[in-house]
Amino acid sequence: MAETQTSEMEERLKQERDAAIRKGRFGSPVTIVDGEPFWSARRLAQVEK
């Protein structure tokens, strides 16, 4: 748990958040396949197809 409280991890979180925003992601979980977003774990079967 202490490892998650480092400034390096805080910076990584900010980078990942900013990258997600640039890609148009919002909410969680979201999976993007071939540019198409699939929201929620209930859509994982569609992702497989």
C-alpha atoms as a PDB file:
ATOM      1  CA  MET A   1       0.000   0.000   0.000  1.00  0.00           C
ATOM      2  CA  ALA A   2       2.843   2.390   0.804  1.00  0.00           C
ATOM      3  CA  GLU A   3       4.173   1.987  -2.741  1.00  0.00           C
ATOM      4  CA  THR A   4       0.978   3.508  -4.120  1.00  0.00           C
ATOM      5  CA  GLN A   5       1.546   6.688  -2.127  1.00  0.00           C
ATOM      6  CA  THR A   6       4.775   7.731  -3.834  1.00  0.00           C
ATOM      7  CA  SER A   7       5.132  10.808  -6.013  1.00  0.00           C
ATOM      8  CA  GLU A   8       6.083   8.520  -8.915  1.00  0.00           C
ATOM      9  CA  MET A   9       2.810   6.631  -8.640  1.00  0.00           C
ATOM     10  CA  GLU A  10       0.864   9.866  -8.321  1.00  0.00           C
ATOM     11  CA  GLU A  11       2.484  11.133 -11.519  1.00  0.00           C
ATOM     12  CA  ARG A  12       1.755   7.834 -13.307  1.00  0.00           C
ATOM     13  CA  LEU A  13      -1.896   8.062 -12.282  1.00  0.00           C
ATOM     14  CA  LYS A  14      -2.120  11.597 -13.678  1.00  0.00           C
ATOM     15  CA  GLN A  15      -0.520  10.482 -16.954  1.00  0.00           C
ATOM     16  CA  GLU A  16      -2.901   7.534 -17.316  1.00  0.00           C
ATOM     17  CA  ARG A  17      -5.915   9.708 -16.479  1.00  0.00           C
ATOM     18  CA  ASP A  18      -4.892  12.350 -19.012  1.00  0.00           C
ATOM     19  CA  ALA A  19      -4.319   9.706 -21.701  1.00  0.00           C
ATOM     20  CA  ALA A  20      -7.770   8.232 -21.041  1.00  0.00           C
ATOM     21  CA  ILE A  21      -9.394  11.658 -21.316  1.00  0.00           C
ATOM     22  CA  ARG A  22      -7.624  12.332 -24.616  1.00  0.00           C
ATOM     23  CA  LYS A  23      -9.014   9.058 -25.965  1.00  0.00           C
ATOM     24  CA  GLY A  24     -12.549  10.039 -24.946  1.00  0.00           C
ATOM     25  CA  ARG A  25     -12.852   7.554 -22.131  1.00  0.00           C
ATOM     26  CA  PHE A  26     -15.095   8.226 -19.198  1.00  0.00           C
ATOM     27  CA  GLY A  27     -16.386   5.985 -16.486  1.00  0.00           C
ATOM     28  CA  SER A  28     -15.042   2.628 -15.631  1.00  0.00           C
ATOM     29  CA  PRO A  29     -14.528  -0.034 -16.750  1.00  0.00           C
ATOM     30  CA  VAL A  30     -14.195   0.726 -20.432  1.00  0.00           C
ATOM     31  CA  THR A  31     -12.384  -1.325 -23.043  1.00  0.00           C
ATOM     32  CA  ILE A  32     -11.521   0.043 -26.478  1.00  0.00           C
ATOM     33  CA  VAL A  33     -11.152  -2.420 -29.348  1.00  0.00           C
ATOM     34  CA  ASP A  34     -10.300  -1.154 -32.828  1.00  0.00           C
ATOM     35  CA  GLY A  35     -11.358   2.329 -31.746  1.00  0.00           C
ATOM     36  CA  GLU A  36     -14.780   1.224 -30.499  1.00  0.00           C
ATOM     37  CA  PRO A  37     -15.519   1.681 -26.779  1.00  0.00           C
ATOM     38  CA  PHE A  38     -17.286  -1.003 -24.755  1.00  0.00           C
ATOM     39  CA  TRP A  39     -18.541   0.106 -21.347  1.00  0.00           C
ATOM     40  CA  SER A  40     -19.005  -2.196 -18.353  1.00  0.00           C
ATOM     41  CA  ALA A  41     -17.962  -5.748 -17.672  1.00  0.00           C
ATOM     42  CA  ARG A  42     -21.270  -6.939 -19.139  1.00  0.00           C
ATOM     43  CA  ARG A  43     -19.949  -6.049 -22.606  1.00  0.00           C
ATOM     44  CA  LEU A  44     -16.899  -8.315 -22.433  1.00  0.00           C
ATOM     45  CA  ALA A  45     -18.674 -10.968 -24.498  1.00  0.00           C
ATOM     46  CA  GLN A  46     -19.059  -8.385 -27.281  1.00  0.00           C
ATOM     47  CA  VAL A  47     -15.369  -7.551 -26.996  1.00  0.00           C
ATOM     48  CA  GLU A  48     -14.510 -11.221 -27.592  1.00  0.00           C
ATOM     49  CA  LYS A  49     -16.566 -11.264 -30.816  1.00  0.00           C
END
